[in-house]
Every structure is written in C-alpha cells, then in structure tokens.
Amino acid sequence: MEQQPYYLAYEKRYRAVFEAGAERWGHSPDDQELFNALKEWVTANHLTGKSIIEFACGEGAGGIILSELGCNYHGVDIAPSAVLKAKENLKNYPNARIDILDMVKETAGENYDAALDCMGFHMLVTDQDRTSYLKNAFLSLKPGSPMLFYRESYINGNHKEETVKSAVNSYEEWLNITGSDYETPLPRRVDTGDGDIEVMVPLVPARANDRDGYISELQSAGFSVEKFVEMDTSNTIQHSASIYARKPI
C-alpha cells in the first residue's frame, strides 16, 4: 500500500477542530486583509467573470471572497474534511465548485485565468514536492495568467541562517534537519462562535524561505515574479510574505 503523504496531516487538524465544535481552522471570509488583497488582485488583473483555481483551499474562505467579487471559482484540497466544509460554505454560489486533489501528485486538468495559493506552498517540505507542485500550478494556467501566493511563511534578512538551504529529499531528512514533525499534538485556541476553546492538534511545520529563495523557486518553475511583499505580523502567522507571480505569454 502506498504511504500517505506527510502533508495529509492537515486532515487530522481539520477533523480535530471540527469535532471540537469550531466552524473553521483557516481564514475567515470576513478577514479584511485577505479581502482587500484579493479585491486588489482581481481588479488589477481584470479577473471578474474569469476562472480562478485555488490550491489548498481549506474551508473556502478565499472562494467566498472571490465568488462575491464575481469570479468563477474552483477550490481544491487534499483534506476530505476541509473539502466537505468548503462545499457546505460555498453551496449558495452557483459559479463555485470544490474538489479533492493532491496538488503535488495531480494536475487540475484544466487551464485557468488565475490561481491562488493562500498559505499552501510553504506546507511542502521536500524539494521534489515543492518543485512538482509549482510545475502543476504553472501547467494549470493560461499564458499570461497571474498567480498569487498569499502569506507564505517567510524568513527575512535578519534570520537568513534559519533557512533550510540543504537538499531535503524526504520527510525523514526534514525531520533530521529541523526536528519538526507532523504528529506531535500541541494546544491551540480555536473559535467556536460561542468563545474560544483549546484543541490539541499537530502543529504541522512549514518550510519557510527567504526572498531570494522563493523567487528562485518560482522562476525555476517558469513563473515571472512581479512583486514580493513582506506582510505584517498576524495571529495566523508571525512572519510571512505575499508573492505576485505570472505565467509568461
């Protein structure tokens, strides 16, 4: 039997959070910063009425915002619990659909006018998984189409020594290098709508990169990088950056 990918650990997080009574683990569609970023991106790229795919869509917060902005939305995620929740959250949007997809091993099978990755790329820790994912994302786009990598875990110039620059060929190598695993549960606070509760969930490590590292990865996949924005600290992630890329014509 084929071993399940390490990044399917996100399914354990979603199940634990939902079983505890919380409505979501990821972003809320009411997140004003996310809304502003997506509205600006949609406007700048004339994406109203266009097709957008979101990789690692989670519970569909980005899909709700993009649908409200008039886009035709396709969200995909590997976690079944997240997909079910996203389908429920987007059921009233006729131009939105959600599917299960392993973004590392599978292609979308269509070509889109734009693509969104909201805190997804950094969850991949091996070199091959990151390369394969970017290749599949690139292939999903029409020539000239933009892709937004929103709030990727980021290492700035003051902490460049924390960047893992050596080859990471397997999850075991990642574990040996960093000590960060996908199994150990730790307490986190989640909002149930009636107040916060503590839930024990795996903290699922992210492989952050610095500015030059991210740009190199995207350019190696064929993308041009148009803008790199260091984000303010948030409750979601302490240090992050948003990267505005494009598939050349």
Protein backbone atom coordinates (compact mmCIF):
# COMPACT_ATOMS: atom_id res chain seq x y z
CA MET A 1 0.00 0.00 0.00
CA GLU A 2 1.31 3.44 -0.93
CA GLN A 3 2.30 5.52 2.08
CA GLN A 4 0.15 8.57 2.67
CA PRO A 5 1.93 11.91 2.10
CA TYR A 6 3.08 13.75 5.22
CA TYR A 7 1.04 16.82 4.25
CA LEU A 8 -2.18 14.84 4.70
CA ALA A 9 -1.60 15.61 8.39
CA TYR A 10 -3.75 18.67 7.68
CA GLU A 11 -6.73 16.31 7.63
CA LYS A 12 -6.06 15.45 11.29
CA ARG A 13 -6.09 19.14 12.15
CA TYR A 14 -9.37 19.80 10.39
CA ARG A 15 -11.07 16.79 11.98
CA ALA A 16 -9.88 17.74 15.47
CA VAL A 17 -11.07 21.32 15.09
CA PHE A 18 -14.45 20.41 13.62
CA GLU A 19 -15.06 17.68 16.22
CA ALA A 20 -14.38 20.26 18.93
CA GLY A 21 -17.23 22.38 17.58
CA ALA A 22 -15.30 25.05 15.68
CA GLU A 23 -16.53 26.24 12.31
CA ARG A 24 -13.11 26.79 10.78
CA TRP A 25 -9.40 26.42 11.23
CA GLY A 26 -8.19 28.68 8.45
CA HIS A 27 -9.06 32.17 7.27
CA SER A 28 -12.50 33.67 7.71
CA PRO A 29 -14.27 35.21 4.69
CA ASP A 30 -14.62 38.26 6.97
CA ASP A 31 -10.81 38.65 7.12
CA GLN A 32 -10.48 42.24 5.94
CA GLU A 33 -6.82 41.96 4.99
CA LEU A 34 -7.46 38.89 2.85
CA PHE A 35 -10.49 40.55 1.27
CA ASN A 36 -8.52 43.68 0.43
CA ALA A 37 -5.65 41.71 -1.07
CA LEU A 38 -7.94 39.59 -3.25
CA LYS A 39 -10.06 42.56 -4.33
CA GLU A 40 -6.95 44.48 -5.38
CA TRP A 41 -5.58 41.43 -7.22
CA VAL A 42 -8.87 40.73 -9.01
CA THR A 43 -9.23 44.38 -10.04
CA ALA A 44 -5.63 44.77 -11.21
CA ASN A 45 -5.84 41.64 -13.35
CA HIS A 46 -9.42 42.10 -14.62
CA LEU A 47 -10.49 38.74 -13.16
CA THR A 48 -14.20 39.45 -12.67
CA GLY A 49 -16.06 36.80 -14.65
CA LYS A 50 -12.82 34.82 -15.13
CA SER A 51 -11.88 31.34 -13.89
CA ILE A 52 -9.70 31.07 -10.79
CA ILE A 53 -8.34 27.92 -9.15
CA GLU A 54 -7.26 27.92 -5.53
CA PHE A 55 -4.85 25.24 -4.37
CA ALA A 56 -5.10 24.11 -0.72
CA CYS A 57 -8.42 25.94 -0.46
CA GLY A 58 -9.21 24.78 3.08
CA GLU A 59 -12.71 25.69 4.20
CA GLY A 60 -13.23 28.01 1.25
CA ALA A 61 -12.82 31.50 2.71
CA GLY A 62 -10.93 32.64 -0.39
CA GLY A 63 -13.61 31.05 -2.54
CA ILE A 64 -16.38 33.02 -0.86
CA ILE A 65 -14.50 36.28 -1.34
CA LEU A 66 -13.64 35.56 -4.97
CA SER A 67 -17.21 34.47 -5.69
CA GLU A 68 -18.53 37.68 -4.13
CA LEU A 69 -16.13 39.55 -6.41
CA GLY A 70 -17.76 37.89 -9.44
CA CYS A 71 -15.15 35.24 -10.27
CA ASN A 72 -15.75 31.65 -11.38
CA TYR A 73 -14.10 29.69 -8.59
CA HIS A 74 -12.63 26.18 -8.36
CA GLY A 75 -11.16 25.21 -5.00
CA VAL A 76 -9.13 22.04 -4.46
CA ASP A 77 -7.62 20.48 -1.34
CA ILE A 78 -6.27 17.09 -0.29
CA ALA A 79 -8.08 17.05 3.08
CA PRO A 80 -11.56 15.45 2.81
CA SER A 81 -12.88 17.24 5.90
CA ALA A 82 -11.87 20.62 4.52
CA VAL A 83 -13.42 19.82 1.15
CA LEU A 84 -16.74 18.87 2.77
CA LYS A 85 -16.74 22.06 4.83
CA ALA A 86 -15.85 24.19 1.78
CA LYS A 87 -18.65 22.62 -0.25
CA GLU A 88 -21.10 23.50 2.51
CA ASN A 89 -19.77 27.05 2.79
CA LEU A 90 -19.98 27.63 -0.98
CA LYS A 91 -23.24 25.83 -1.72
CA ASN A 92 -25.07 29.09 -2.46
CA TYR A 93 -22.56 30.22 -5.09
CA PRO A 94 -23.50 28.65 -8.46
CA ASN A 95 -20.18 29.59 -10.08
CA ALA A 96 -18.09 27.85 -7.42
CA ARG A 97 -17.06 24.21 -7.10
CA ILE A 98 -14.81 22.25 -4.75
CA ASP A 99 -12.91 19.01 -5.38
CA ILE A 100 -10.38 16.76 -3.70
CA LEU A 101 -6.99 16.99 -5.38
CA ASP A 102 -3.42 16.20 -4.35
CA MET A 103 -1.77 19.30 -5.74
CA VAL A 104 1.67 17.65 -5.63
CA LYS A 105 0.81 14.46 -7.50
CA GLU A 106 -2.09 15.54 -9.71
CA THR A 107 -2.78 18.27 -12.23
CA ALA A 108 -6.01 20.22 -12.31
CA GLY A 109 -6.75 19.04 -15.84
CA GLU A 110 -7.93 22.48 -16.95
CA ASN A 111 -6.42 25.86 -17.76
CA TYR A 112 -7.44 28.84 -15.66
CA ASP A 113 -7.25 32.61 -15.92
CA ALA A 114 -5.60 32.87 -12.49
CA ALA A 115 -4.50 30.80 -9.50
CA LEU A 116 -4.40 31.43 -5.76
CA ASP A 117 -2.33 29.78 -3.04
CA CYS A 118 -3.23 31.00 0.44
CA MET A 119 -0.60 29.70 2.90
CA GLY A 120 -0.31 26.44 0.97
CA PHE A 121 3.07 26.27 -0.75
CA HIS A 122 5.05 26.56 2.46
CA MET A 123 3.44 23.38 3.86
CA LEU A 124 5.55 21.31 1.46
CA VAL A 125 8.97 20.50 2.90
CA THR A 126 10.76 18.28 0.37
CA ASP A 127 12.48 19.66 -2.70
CA GLN A 128 10.64 17.32 -5.05
CA ASP A 129 7.20 18.10 -3.62
CA ARG A 130 7.75 21.84 -3.93
CA THR A 131 9.05 21.50 -7.49
CA SER A 132 6.19 19.21 -8.52
CA TYR A 133 3.54 21.46 -7.00
CA LEU A 134 4.85 24.57 -8.75
CA LYS A 135 5.03 22.68 -12.04
CA ASN A 136 1.40 21.56 -11.70
CA ALA A 137 0.31 25.08 -10.73
CA PHE A 138 2.15 26.52 -13.74
CA LEU A 139 0.53 23.98 -16.08
CA SER A 140 -2.94 24.87 -14.75
CA LEU A 141 -2.67 28.44 -16.03
CA LYS A 142 -3.27 30.01 -19.40
CA PRO A 143 -0.31 32.01 -20.79
CA GLY A 144 -0.19 35.48 -19.26
CA SER A 145 -2.21 34.46 -16.19
CA PRO A 146 -1.33 35.64 -12.66
CA MET A 147 -0.81 33.56 -9.53
CA LEU A 148 -0.91 34.97 -6.02
CA PHE A 149 0.94 33.23 -3.20
CA TYR A 150 -0.68 34.84 -0.14
CA ARG A 151 1.05 34.83 3.26
CA GLU A 152 3.76 32.24 2.71
CA SER A 153 5.99 31.59 5.72
CA TYR A 154 8.95 33.91 5.30
CA ILE A 155 12.44 34.36 6.68
CA ASN A 156 13.67 37.93 6.41
CA GLY A 157 17.24 39.17 6.16
CA ASN A 158 17.69 39.22 9.93
CA HIS A 159 17.16 35.46 10.21
CA LYS A 160 18.57 34.09 6.95
CA GLU A 161 20.52 31.44 8.87
CA GLU A 162 17.20 29.74 9.68
CA THR A 163 16.54 28.97 6.01
CA VAL A 164 16.99 25.31 5.14
CA LYS A 165 19.21 25.56 2.07
CA SER A 166 20.44 21.96 2.02
CA ALA A 167 18.67 19.34 -0.07
CA VAL A 168 15.59 17.78 1.54
CA ASN A 169 14.80 14.57 -0.31
CA SER A 170 12.31 13.07 2.14
CA TYR A 171 10.21 13.86 5.18
CA GLU A 172 12.71 11.84 7.24
CA GLU A 173 15.52 14.15 6.10
CA TRP A 174 13.41 17.17 7.02
CA LEU A 175 12.83 15.69 10.49
CA ASN A 176 16.54 15.03 10.98
CA ILE A 177 17.46 18.58 9.90
CA THR A 178 14.80 20.52 11.79
CA GLY A 179 13.26 18.24 14.42
CA SER A 180 9.84 19.48 13.30
CA ASP A 181 7.31 16.66 12.92
CA TYR A 182 3.72 16.27 11.75
CA GLU A 183 2.47 14.10 14.59
CA THR A 184 3.06 15.74 17.98
CA PRO A 185 -0.17 17.39 19.17
CA LEU A 186 0.07 20.77 20.89
CA PRO A 187 -2.62 23.05 22.33
CA ARG A 188 -4.14 25.71 20.07
CA ARG A 189 -7.07 28.07 20.56
CA VAL A 190 -9.97 27.97 18.10
CA ASP A 191 -13.16 30.00 17.87
CA THR A 192 -16.42 28.04 18.14
CA GLY A 193 -18.64 31.07 17.69
CA ASP A 194 -19.51 30.91 21.40
CA GLY A 195 -15.99 31.63 22.57
CA ASP A 196 -12.53 30.12 22.28
CA ILE A 197 -11.67 26.58 23.26
CA GLU A 198 -8.39 24.71 23.43
CA VAL A 199 -7.82 21.90 20.93
CA MET A 200 -4.87 19.54 20.72
CA VAL A 201 -3.68 19.46 17.10
CA PRO A 202 -0.43 18.70 15.27
CA LEU A 203 1.34 21.97 14.53
CA VAL A 204 2.32 20.88 11.00
CA PRO A 205 5.67 22.53 10.25
CA ALA A 206 6.18 24.87 7.33
CA ARG A 207 9.32 25.20 5.22
CA ALA A 208 9.85 28.92 5.12
CA ASN A 209 12.15 30.56 2.61
CA ASP A 210 13.79 33.94 2.20
CA ARG A 211 13.04 36.39 -0.59
CA ASP A 212 15.74 35.18 -2.96
CA GLY A 213 14.84 31.56 -2.27
CA TYR A 214 11.16 31.98 -3.08
CA ILE A 215 11.89 33.97 -6.21
CA SER A 216 14.38 31.33 -7.38
CA GLU A 217 11.85 28.52 -6.83
CA LEU A 218 9.13 30.31 -8.77
CA GLN A 219 11.41 31.33 -11.60
CA SER A 220 12.73 27.78 -11.92
CA ALA A 221 9.12 26.64 -12.43
CA GLY A 222 8.71 29.18 -15.25
CA PHE A 223 6.95 32.00 -13.38
CA SER A 224 7.97 35.62 -13.54
CA VAL A 225 7.81 37.36 -10.14
CA GLU A 226 6.27 40.82 -10.31
CA LYS A 227 6.05 41.79 -6.64
CA PHE A 228 7.24 40.48 -3.27
CA VAL A 229 5.50 41.96 -0.24
CA GLU A 230 6.55 41.41 3.38
CA MET A 231 3.36 41.10 5.42
CA ASP A 232 2.64 42.48 8.88
CA THR A 233 2.59 40.05 11.80
CA SER A 234 -0.79 38.38 12.28
CA ASN A 235 -2.39 35.86 14.63
CA THR A 236 -2.30 33.38 11.76
CA ILE A 237 1.43 33.52 11.04
CA GLN A 238 4.19 35.63 12.55
CA HIS A 239 6.44 36.25 9.55
CA SER A 240 5.06 35.96 6.04
CA ALA A 241 5.25 37.36 2.53
CA SER A 242 2.87 37.53 -0.42
CA ILE A 243 4.31 36.88 -3.85
CA TYR A 244 2.69 38.09 -7.06
CA ALA A 245 3.74 35.89 -9.96
CA ARG A 246 2.67 35.34 -13.57
CA LYS A 247 2.94 32.69 -16.27
CA PRO A 248 4.62 34.48 -19.17
CA ILE A 249 2.86 34.74 -22.51
